Amino acid sequence: MLLLLAPLGGPAWAYDNPDLLPDHDTPVIDLAKLLTDGQRQALEDELREFEDTSGWKLRVLTQYDRTPGLAVREFWGLDDRSLLVVADERGGNLLNFNVGDALFALMPRTFWVELQTRYGNQFYVREHGQDAAVLDSLHAVKGCLNIGGCQVVPGLPQEQWLLTLSTSILGGLIAGFAAFPRQPGRRVEWGWVLLLSPLWVILFGVFGVAPIVTRTPEVLPLIRNALGFGGGAVGAYLVAQLTLGRRLKEKEEG
């Protein structure tokens, strides 16, 4: 799970090794050699330009068995408007973030938790590479800063959409089962549908729809989830009609 770096000076930075710092000013220190020379140069130019135009200081430190520790604080002059991205593959997650207070005002702690778990997890790193994990997380932060902040990380990964689809289908199954008429002459048991509405509304609305509309303007995932909900509801209704309906009929005849 995520371990957000504490403010510089915490246990993770309990030593000072300035010998590992470069002899020139740079926003990227790639001790673990995760980036190619071209990637590193392009990222340095990108971060310098972003700082000049926005005032936000984004810095990257990659490390493995060596780290400059507390020395980066003075080297980069990290402050409330700074973000330090630390990439270290020795932990369970590649990425850690040292977040300035001014950034927390625009993006809450849950944002940084989601950012790390999305881009720093072993599956993402294995599929896209360590360099992409670092770069993609930075681009997500930059995009949010350009629009004045985010409550959630933009974008909808495939695995997250599949989770929303699953909850949508489950919500439909519950709604469909609740709608099956328990008494002759009725087509829909609206009372049961309303009684169980807190459950299927949460599954479909909160877990199936909200994560999509807050992360992407795309309509297709919403359409798919709505179809999943409808298909689950119809399927549960028909199954209940075939099974429970038969049992009720047998009970009446008996």
Protein backbone atom coordinates (compact mmCIF):
# COMPACT_ATOMS: atom_id res chain seq x y z
CA MET A 1 0.00 0.00 0.00
CA LEU A 2 0.90 3.65 -0.29
CA LEU A 3 3.36 5.31 2.06
CA LEU A 4 3.36 9.01 1.34
CA LEU A 5 6.72 10.47 2.20
CA ALA A 6 6.56 12.54 5.32
CA PRO A 7 7.86 16.08 5.14
CA LEU A 8 11.59 16.08 4.51
CA GLY A 9 13.38 15.24 7.70
CA GLY A 10 11.28 12.16 8.53
CA PRO A 11 12.66 8.65 9.03
CA ALA A 12 13.04 8.01 5.30
CA TRP A 13 15.46 10.94 5.13
CA ALA A 14 17.41 10.38 8.32
CA TYR A 15 20.82 10.83 6.76
CA ASP A 16 22.68 13.17 4.47
CA ASN A 17 24.82 12.13 1.51
CA PRO A 18 25.57 15.21 -0.62
CA ASP A 19 28.31 13.34 -2.51
CA LEU A 20 25.62 11.77 -4.67
CA LEU A 21 24.27 15.14 -5.81
CA PRO A 22 25.23 16.44 -9.26
CA ASP A 23 27.58 19.40 -9.61
CA HIS A 24 25.05 21.36 -11.67
CA ASP A 25 21.46 22.51 -11.26
CA THR A 26 18.96 19.96 -12.56
CA PRO A 27 15.35 19.03 -11.65
CA VAL A 28 16.07 15.32 -12.21
CA ILE A 29 18.54 13.11 -10.32
CA ASP A 30 18.45 9.66 -11.92
CA LEU A 31 20.69 7.56 -9.71
CA ALA A 32 18.84 4.33 -10.62
CA LYS A 33 19.17 5.07 -14.36
CA LEU A 34 15.48 4.56 -15.06
CA LEU A 35 15.46 7.13 -17.86
CA THR A 36 17.37 7.22 -21.10
CA ASP A 37 19.53 10.26 -21.76
CA GLY A 38 16.92 11.59 -24.15
CA GLN A 39 14.09 11.09 -21.67
CA ARG A 40 16.04 12.74 -18.88
CA GLN A 41 16.94 15.77 -20.98
CA ALA A 42 13.37 16.17 -22.23
CA LEU A 43 12.02 15.87 -18.68
CA GLU A 44 14.49 18.42 -17.35
CA ASP A 45 13.43 20.92 -20.01
CA GLU A 46 9.76 20.18 -19.35
CA LEU A 47 10.01 20.68 -15.59
CA ARG A 48 12.04 23.89 -15.93
CA GLU A 49 9.51 25.35 -18.35
CA PHE A 50 6.62 24.32 -16.12
CA GLU A 51 8.21 25.98 -13.10
CA ASP A 52 8.87 29.18 -15.05
CA THR A 53 5.27 29.42 -16.27
CA SER A 54 3.37 28.13 -13.24
CA GLY A 55 5.60 28.58 -10.20
CA TRP A 56 5.22 24.93 -9.18
CA LYS A 57 8.47 23.11 -8.51
CA LEU A 58 8.39 19.46 -9.59
CA ARG A 59 11.47 17.34 -8.92
CA VAL A 60 12.38 13.71 -9.61
CA LEU A 61 14.77 11.45 -7.70
CA THR A 62 15.35 7.84 -8.71
CA GLN A 63 17.39 5.63 -6.43
CA TYR A 64 18.19 2.03 -5.65
CA ASP A 65 20.95 1.22 -3.18
CA ARG A 66 22.12 4.82 -2.85
CA THR A 67 20.25 7.98 -1.92
CA PRO A 68 21.32 11.54 -1.12
CA GLY A 69 18.72 11.64 1.64
CA LEU A 70 18.17 15.00 3.31
CA ALA A 71 20.71 16.65 1.03
CA VAL A 72 18.08 17.04 -1.72
CA ARG A 73 16.12 19.46 0.45
CA GLU A 74 18.80 22.10 0.35
CA PHE A 75 19.94 21.21 -3.17
CA TRP A 76 16.49 21.86 -4.62
CA GLY A 77 15.20 24.35 -2.05
CA LEU A 78 12.02 22.32 -1.57
CA ASP A 79 9.14 24.31 -0.09
CA ASP A 80 5.33 24.34 0.15
CA ARG A 81 5.00 24.67 -3.64
CA SER A 82 7.24 21.69 -4.34
CA LEU A 83 6.60 18.07 -5.26
CA LEU A 84 9.35 15.49 -5.05
CA VAL A 85 8.69 12.22 -6.89
CA VAL A 86 10.92 9.44 -5.57
CA ALA A 87 11.22 6.22 -7.60
CA ASP A 88 12.70 3.30 -5.69
CA GLU A 89 11.91 -0.25 -6.77
CA ARG A 90 13.00 -1.81 -3.47
CA GLY A 91 9.57 -1.25 -1.94
CA GLY A 92 6.25 -2.80 -2.83
CA ASN A 93 5.44 0.27 -4.91
CA LEU A 94 7.85 2.11 -7.19
CA LEU A 95 6.62 5.62 -6.42
CA ASN A 96 6.58 7.83 -3.35
CA PHE A 97 5.69 11.51 -3.13
CA ASN A 98 6.87 14.31 -0.92
CA VAL A 99 4.03 16.82 -1.24
CA GLY A 100 4.16 20.50 -0.28
CA ASP A 101 1.29 21.97 1.73
CA ALA A 102 0.21 24.19 -1.15
CA LEU A 103 -0.27 21.10 -3.33
CA PHE A 104 -2.40 19.43 -0.66
CA ALA A 105 -4.72 22.44 -0.85
CA LEU A 106 -5.44 21.61 -4.51
CA MET A 107 -5.20 17.83 -4.44
CA PRO A 108 -6.15 15.98 -1.23
CA ARG A 109 -4.29 13.07 0.31
CA THR A 110 -6.61 10.58 -1.40
CA PHE A 111 -5.42 11.93 -4.76
CA TRP A 112 -1.81 11.05 -3.95
CA VAL A 113 -2.82 7.64 -2.66
CA GLU A 114 -4.63 6.92 -5.93
CA LEU A 115 -1.76 8.37 -7.97
CA GLN A 116 0.74 6.02 -6.37
CA THR A 117 -1.45 2.93 -6.50
CA ARG A 118 -2.31 3.54 -10.15
CA TYR A 119 1.12 4.27 -11.62
CA GLY A 120 3.52 2.76 -9.10
CA ASN A 121 2.00 -0.70 -8.67
CA GLN A 122 3.93 -3.70 -9.93
CA PHE A 123 1.43 -4.52 -12.69
CA TYR A 124 1.62 -1.05 -14.22
CA VAL A 125 5.41 -0.99 -13.96
CA ARG A 126 5.67 -4.46 -15.51
CA GLU A 127 3.41 -3.53 -18.42
CA HIS A 128 4.60 0.01 -19.12
CA GLY A 129 8.06 0.23 -17.57
CA GLN A 130 9.54 2.20 -14.68
CA ASP A 131 10.22 5.22 -16.86
CA ALA A 132 6.57 5.42 -17.93
CA ALA A 133 5.40 5.11 -14.33
CA VAL A 134 7.46 8.15 -13.35
CA LEU A 135 6.57 10.21 -16.41
CA ASP A 136 2.85 9.36 -16.39
CA SER A 137 2.48 10.27 -12.72
CA LEU A 138 4.18 13.61 -13.34
CA HIS A 139 1.97 14.36 -16.33
CA ALA A 140 -1.13 13.60 -14.26
CA VAL A 141 0.02 16.09 -11.62
CA LYS A 142 0.83 18.72 -14.22
CA GLY A 143 -2.56 18.31 -15.86
CA CYS A 144 -4.32 18.82 -12.54
CA LEU A 145 -2.24 21.86 -11.64
CA ASN A 146 -3.06 23.39 -15.02
CA ILE A 147 -6.79 23.24 -14.23
CA GLY A 148 -6.49 24.38 -10.63
CA GLY A 149 -6.43 21.01 -8.90
CA CYS A 150 -8.20 17.62 -8.87
CA GLN A 151 -10.05 15.55 -6.31
CA VAL A 152 -9.24 12.30 -8.13
CA VAL A 153 -6.60 11.21 -10.63
CA PRO A 154 -7.84 11.87 -14.20
CA GLY A 155 -8.23 8.94 -16.56
CA LEU A 156 -9.97 5.59 -16.29
CA PRO A 157 -7.67 2.55 -16.34
CA GLN A 158 -9.04 -0.67 -17.76
CA GLU A 159 -8.99 -2.47 -14.42
CA GLN A 160 -10.87 0.35 -12.71
CA TRP A 161 -13.54 0.40 -15.42
CA LEU A 162 -13.96 -3.37 -15.09
CA LEU A 163 -14.56 -2.88 -11.38
CA THR A 164 -17.24 -0.24 -12.07
CA LEU A 165 -18.82 -2.56 -14.63
CA SER A 166 -18.91 -5.39 -12.09
CA THR A 167 -20.63 -3.26 -9.47
CA SER A 168 -23.10 -1.99 -12.09
CA ILE A 169 -24.04 -5.55 -13.06
CA LEU A 170 -24.35 -6.56 -9.40
CA GLY A 171 -26.61 -3.57 -8.77
CA GLY A 172 -28.75 -4.61 -11.73
CA LEU A 173 -29.02 -8.16 -10.42
CA ILE A 174 -30.27 -6.89 -7.07
CA ALA A 175 -32.75 -4.49 -8.68
CA GLY A 176 -34.01 -7.19 -11.07
CA PHE A 177 -34.48 -9.72 -8.31
CA ALA A 178 -36.30 -7.15 -6.18
CA ALA A 179 -38.61 -6.27 -9.06
CA PHE A 180 -39.90 -9.82 -9.52
CA PRO A 181 -43.61 -9.91 -8.51
CA ARG A 182 -44.39 -12.00 -5.44
CA GLN A 183 -48.15 -11.81 -5.89
CA PRO A 184 -50.36 -12.77 -8.87
CA GLY A 185 -51.44 -9.96 -11.17
CA ARG A 186 -48.37 -7.80 -10.61
CA ARG A 187 -45.58 -7.23 -13.09
CA VAL A 188 -43.13 -5.30 -10.87
CA GLU A 189 -42.79 -5.24 -7.11
CA TRP A 190 -42.04 -1.55 -6.75
CA GLY A 191 -42.12 -1.81 -2.99
CA TRP A 192 -39.23 -4.26 -2.99
CA VAL A 193 -37.37 -2.19 -5.58
CA LEU A 194 -37.63 0.88 -3.33
CA LEU A 195 -36.79 -1.13 -0.23
CA LEU A 196 -33.54 -2.37 -1.75
CA SER A 197 -32.81 0.90 -3.57
CA PRO A 198 -30.07 1.99 -1.13
CA LEU A 199 -28.11 -1.11 -2.10
CA TRP A 200 -28.49 -1.11 -5.87
CA VAL A 201 -28.24 2.70 -6.13
CA ILE A 202 -24.94 2.63 -4.25
CA LEU A 203 -23.58 -0.20 -6.40
CA PHE A 204 -24.63 1.40 -9.68
CA GLY A 205 -24.53 5.11 -8.91
CA VAL A 206 -21.72 5.48 -6.40
CA PHE A 207 -19.43 2.65 -7.53
CA GLY A 208 -20.51 2.24 -11.14
CA VAL A 209 -21.11 5.79 -12.41
CA ALA A 210 -19.38 8.28 -10.10
CA PRO A 211 -15.81 6.95 -10.63
CA ILE A 212 -16.28 7.41 -14.38
CA VAL A 213 -17.82 10.89 -14.51
CA THR A 214 -15.20 12.24 -12.07
CA ARG A 215 -12.25 10.88 -14.08
CA THR A 216 -13.12 11.08 -17.77
CA PRO A 217 -15.55 12.86 -20.11
CA GLU A 218 -15.93 9.69 -22.21
CA VAL A 219 -19.50 8.48 -22.62
CA LEU A 220 -18.79 4.94 -23.80
CA PRO A 221 -17.91 3.54 -20.33
CA LEU A 222 -21.15 5.00 -18.97
CA ILE A 223 -23.15 3.41 -21.77
CA ARG A 224 -21.50 0.04 -21.15
CA ASN A 225 -22.17 0.23 -17.41
CA ALA A 226 -25.78 1.24 -18.01
CA LEU A 227 -26.19 -1.73 -20.34
CA GLY A 228 -24.55 -3.94 -17.73
CA PHE A 229 -26.98 -2.69 -15.10
CA GLY A 230 -29.96 -3.17 -17.41
CA GLY A 231 -28.78 -6.60 -18.54
CA GLY A 232 -28.24 -7.69 -14.94
CA ALA A 233 -31.70 -6.46 -13.96
CA VAL A 234 -33.45 -8.20 -16.86
CA GLY A 235 -31.46 -11.38 -16.32
CA ALA A 236 -32.24 -11.53 -12.60
CA TYR A 237 -35.90 -10.78 -13.27
CA LEU A 238 -36.19 -13.60 -15.81
CA VAL A 239 -34.32 -16.09 -13.64
CA ALA A 240 -36.54 -15.24 -10.68
CA GLN A 241 -39.58 -15.64 -12.89
CA LEU A 242 -38.46 -19.11 -13.99
CA THR A 243 -37.47 -20.36 -10.55
CA LEU A 244 -39.38 -18.54 -7.86
CA GLY A 245 -42.41 -18.19 -10.09
CA ARG A 246 -42.51 -21.94 -10.61
CA ARG A 247 -42.22 -22.57 -6.88
CA LEU A 248 -45.04 -20.15 -6.11
CA LYS A 249 -47.22 -21.83 -8.71
CA GLU A 250 -46.48 -25.26 -7.29
CA LYS A 251 -47.27 -23.98 -3.80
CA GLU A 252 -50.64 -22.63 -4.97
CA GLU A 253 -51.49 -25.88 -6.74
CA GLY A 254 -50.43 -27.89 -3.70
